[in-house]
Amino acid sequence: MFLVCWIRTLLSLPALWAGQAAVMLHSPSAITLLGAAWRISGRGEIARQAIWQVQRHHGTAAALARAAVWMESNARPEIAAAAGILAMEDRDVAQAAGWLEQGRQLGDDSAG
């Protein structure tokens, strides 16, 4: 299992690095690149970065919609945490509580 995780991480590095460069350049392509890196690696921190970029370029509603889609395909506590924060920024306490509950069911968020 350890070897599989490392291989997936190594395979995701080109997309991750390109995505992070796109973030620095404020390019919307960061969303696609970070999303691809997340799909390859399975690391929730990368998905969280992509969700923040969706919010930056397309707004909170689009970011919450993307988080919901990603939670259906590969639920991660990091995605639930980011979506919960976005819901609170949008002043939707009920939705934020729902995201919090989903995150708790999935386990600990690696970023705290």
C-alpha atoms as a PDB file:
ATOM      1  CA  MET A   1       0.000   0.000   0.000  1.00  0.00           C
ATOM      2  CA  PHE A   2       2.830   2.358   0.885  1.00  0.00           C
ATOM      3  CA  LEU A   3       4.419   1.828  -2.510  1.00  0.00           C
ATOM      4  CA  VAL A   4       1.130   2.514  -4.310  1.00  0.00           C
ATOM      5  CA  CYS A   5       0.712   5.814  -2.436  1.00  0.00           C
ATOM      6  CA  TRP A   6       4.213   6.929  -3.374  1.00  0.00           C
ATOM      7  CA  ILE A   7       3.736   5.999  -7.019  1.00  0.00           C
ATOM      8  CA  ARG A   8       0.459   7.933  -7.170  1.00  0.00           C
ATOM      9  CA  THR A   9       2.105  10.921  -5.505  1.00  0.00           C
ATOM     10  CA  LEU A  10       5.004  10.878  -7.950  1.00  0.00           C
ATOM     11  CA  LEU A  11       2.645  10.598 -10.925  1.00  0.00           C
ATOM     12  CA  SER A  12       0.652  13.596  -9.685  1.00  0.00           C
ATOM     13  CA  LEU A  13       3.653  15.905  -9.251  1.00  0.00           C
ATOM     14  CA  PRO A  14       3.741  17.396 -12.779  1.00  0.00           C
ATOM     15  CA  ALA A  15       0.057  18.375 -12.606  1.00  0.00           C
ATOM     16  CA  LEU A  16       0.464  19.605  -9.028  1.00  0.00           C
ATOM     17  CA  TRP A  17       3.462  21.784  -9.861  1.00  0.00           C
ATOM     18  CA  ALA A  18       1.814  23.171 -12.974  1.00  0.00           C
ATOM     19  CA  GLY A  19      -1.340  23.853 -10.950  1.00  0.00           C
ATOM     20  CA  GLN A  20       0.582  25.673  -8.247  1.00  0.00           C
ATOM     21  CA  ALA A  21       2.350  27.759 -10.880  1.00  0.00           C
ATOM     22  CA  ALA A  22      -1.058  28.600 -12.379  1.00  0.00           C
ATOM     23  CA  VAL A  23      -2.250  29.646  -8.904  1.00  0.00           C
ATOM     24  CA  MET A  24       0.668  32.072  -8.641  1.00  0.00           C
ATOM     25  CA  LEU A  25      -0.243  33.475 -12.060  1.00  0.00           C
ATOM     26  CA  HIS A  26      -3.935  33.743 -11.056  1.00  0.00           C
ATOM     27  CA  SER A  27      -4.910  31.505 -13.974  1.00  0.00           C
ATOM     28  CA  PRO A  28      -8.221  29.591 -14.022  1.00  0.00           C
ATOM     29  CA  SER A  29      -6.310  26.612 -15.463  1.00  0.00           C
ATOM     30  CA  ALA A  30      -5.166  25.968 -11.886  1.00  0.00           C
ATOM     31  CA  ILE A  31      -8.571  24.408 -11.213  1.00  0.00           C
ATOM     32  CA  THR A  32      -8.153  21.782 -13.925  1.00  0.00           C
ATOM     33  CA  LEU A  33      -4.521  21.061 -13.098  1.00  0.00           C
ATOM     34  CA  LEU A  34      -5.070  20.765  -9.346  1.00  0.00           C
ATOM     35  CA  GLY A  35      -8.177  18.657  -9.951  1.00  0.00           C
ATOM     36  CA  ALA A  36      -6.143  16.288 -12.105  1.00  0.00           C
ATOM     37  CA  ALA A  37      -3.394  16.100  -9.487  1.00  0.00           C
ATOM     38  CA  TRP A  38      -6.002  15.306  -6.840  1.00  0.00           C
ATOM     39  CA  ARG A  39      -7.598  12.564  -8.952  1.00  0.00           C
ATOM     40  CA  ILE A  40      -4.198  10.950  -9.496  1.00  0.00           C
ATOM     41  CA  SER A  41      -2.838  11.253  -5.957  1.00  0.00           C
ATOM     42  CA  GLY A  42      -6.036  11.044  -3.907  1.00  0.00           C
ATOM     43  CA  ARG A  43      -4.644  13.626  -1.458  1.00  0.00           C
ATOM     44  CA  GLY A  44      -7.368  15.807   0.001  1.00  0.00           C
ATOM     45  CA  GLU A  45      -5.088  18.815   0.472  1.00  0.00           C
ATOM     46  CA  ILE A  46      -4.825  19.146  -3.296  1.00  0.00           C
ATOM     47  CA  ALA A  47      -8.613  19.013  -3.652  1.00  0.00           C
ATOM     48  CA  ARG A  48      -8.888  21.756  -1.044  1.00  0.00           C
ATOM     49  CA  GLN A  49      -6.521  23.966  -3.066  1.00  0.00           C
ATOM     50  CA  ALA A  50      -8.602  23.363  -6.191  1.00  0.00           C
ATOM     51  CA  ILE A  51     -11.841  24.258  -4.377  1.00  0.00           C
ATOM     52  CA  TRP A  52     -10.324  27.556  -3.201  1.00  0.00           C
ATOM     53  CA  GLN A  53      -9.383  28.307  -6.800  1.00  0.00           C
ATOM     54  CA  VAL A  54     -12.932  27.564  -7.979  1.00  0.00           C
ATOM     55  CA  GLN A  55     -14.174  30.017  -5.358  1.00  0.00           C
ATOM     56  CA  ARG A  56     -11.628  32.616  -6.436  1.00  0.00           C
ATOM     57  CA  HIS A  57     -12.477  32.414 -10.157  1.00  0.00           C
ATOM     58  CA  HIS A  58     -16.144  31.362 -10.229  1.00  0.00           C
ATOM     59  CA  GLY A  59     -17.613  32.228  -6.835  1.00  0.00           C
ATOM     60  CA  THR A  60     -18.729  30.453  -3.694  1.00  0.00           C
ATOM     61  CA  ALA A  61     -21.757  28.728  -5.220  1.00  0.00           C
ATOM     62  CA  ALA A  62     -19.615  27.106  -7.918  1.00  0.00           C
ATOM     63  CA  ALA A  63     -17.040  26.007  -5.331  1.00  0.00           C
ATOM     64  CA  LEU A  64     -19.723  24.422  -3.160  1.00  0.00           C
ATOM     65  CA  ALA A  65     -21.177  22.655  -6.196  1.00  0.00           C
ATOM     66  CA  ARG A  66     -17.726  21.325  -7.154  1.00  0.00           C
ATOM     67  CA  ALA A  67     -17.156  20.139  -3.581  1.00  0.00           C
ATOM     68  CA  ALA A  68     -20.481  18.287  -3.612  1.00  0.00           C
ATOM     69  CA  VAL A  69     -19.604  16.531  -6.874  1.00  0.00           C
ATOM     70  CA  TRP A  70     -16.170  15.560  -5.604  1.00  0.00           C
ATOM     71  CA  MET A  71     -17.596  14.310  -2.305  1.00  0.00           C
ATOM     72  CA  GLU A  72     -19.838  11.940  -4.251  1.00  0.00           C
ATOM     73  CA  SER A  73     -16.931  10.495  -6.224  1.00  0.00           C
ATOM     74  CA  ASN A  74     -14.174  10.449  -3.573  1.00  0.00           C
ATOM     75  CA  ALA A  75     -15.211  11.733  -0.161  1.00  0.00           C
ATOM     76  CA  ARG A  76     -12.381  13.306   1.831  1.00  0.00           C
ATOM     77  CA  PRO A  77     -12.517  15.245   5.118  1.00  0.00           C
ATOM     78  CA  GLU A  78     -10.421  18.037   3.582  1.00  0.00           C
ATOM     79  CA  ILE A  79     -13.094  18.668   0.946  1.00  0.00           C
ATOM     80  CA  ALA A  80     -15.822  18.753   3.591  1.00  0.00           C
ATOM     81  CA  ALA A  81     -13.765  21.185   5.684  1.00  0.00           C
ATOM     82  CA  ALA A  82     -13.210  23.562   2.766  1.00  0.00           C
ATOM     83  CA  ALA A  83     -16.879  23.401   1.786  1.00  0.00           C
ATOM     84  CA  GLY A  84     -17.938  24.054   5.375  1.00  0.00           C
ATOM     85  CA  ILE A  85     -15.754  27.156   5.542  1.00  0.00           C
ATOM     86  CA  LEU A  86     -17.171  28.374   2.234  1.00  0.00           C
ATOM     87  CA  ALA A  87     -20.720  27.801   3.472  1.00  0.00           C
ATOM     88  CA  MET A  88     -19.972  29.829   6.611  1.00  0.00           C
ATOM     89  CA  GLU A  89     -18.534  32.629   4.471  1.00  0.00           C
ATOM     90  CA  ASP A  90     -21.803  32.497   2.535  1.00  0.00           C
ATOM     91  CA  ARG A  91     -23.639  32.723   5.902  1.00  0.00           C
ATOM     92  CA  ASP A  92     -25.419  29.387   5.379  1.00  0.00           C
ATOM     93  CA  VAL A  93     -25.096  27.884   8.851  1.00  0.00           C
ATOM     94  CA  ALA A  94     -27.290  24.857   8.099  1.00  0.00           C
ATOM     95  CA  GLN A  95     -25.219  23.885   5.076  1.00  0.00           C
ATOM     96  CA  ALA A  96     -21.985  24.442   7.014  1.00  0.00           C
ATOM     97  CA  ALA A  97     -23.257  22.164   9.781  1.00  0.00           C
ATOM     98  CA  GLY A  98     -24.019  19.500   7.179  1.00  0.00           C
ATOM     99  CA  TRP A  99     -20.506  19.729   5.783  1.00  0.00           C
ATOM    100  CA  LEU A 100     -19.092  19.558   9.314  1.00  0.00           C
ATOM    101  CA  GLU A 101     -21.055  16.376  10.011  1.00  0.00           C
ATOM    102  CA  GLN A 102     -19.872  14.800   6.755  1.00  0.00           C
ATOM    103  CA  GLY A 103     -16.288  15.675   7.610  1.00  0.00           C
ATOM    104  CA  ARG A 104     -16.590  14.165  11.084  1.00  0.00           C
ATOM    105  CA  GLN A 105     -17.909  10.916   9.627  1.00  0.00           C
ATOM    106  CA  LEU A 106     -14.924  10.702   7.292  1.00  0.00           C
ATOM    107  CA  GLY A 107     -12.258  11.214   9.943  1.00  0.00           C
ATOM    108  CA  ASP A 108      -9.657  13.820  10.738  1.00  0.00           C
ATOM    109  CA  ASP A 109      -8.715  16.612   8.375  1.00  0.00           C
ATOM    110  CA  SER A 110      -4.955  16.442   7.889  1.00  0.00           C
ATOM    111  CA  ALA A 111      -4.681  20.230   8.136  1.00  0.00           C
ATOM    112  CA  GLY A 112      -6.582  20.381  11.400  1.00  0.00           C
END
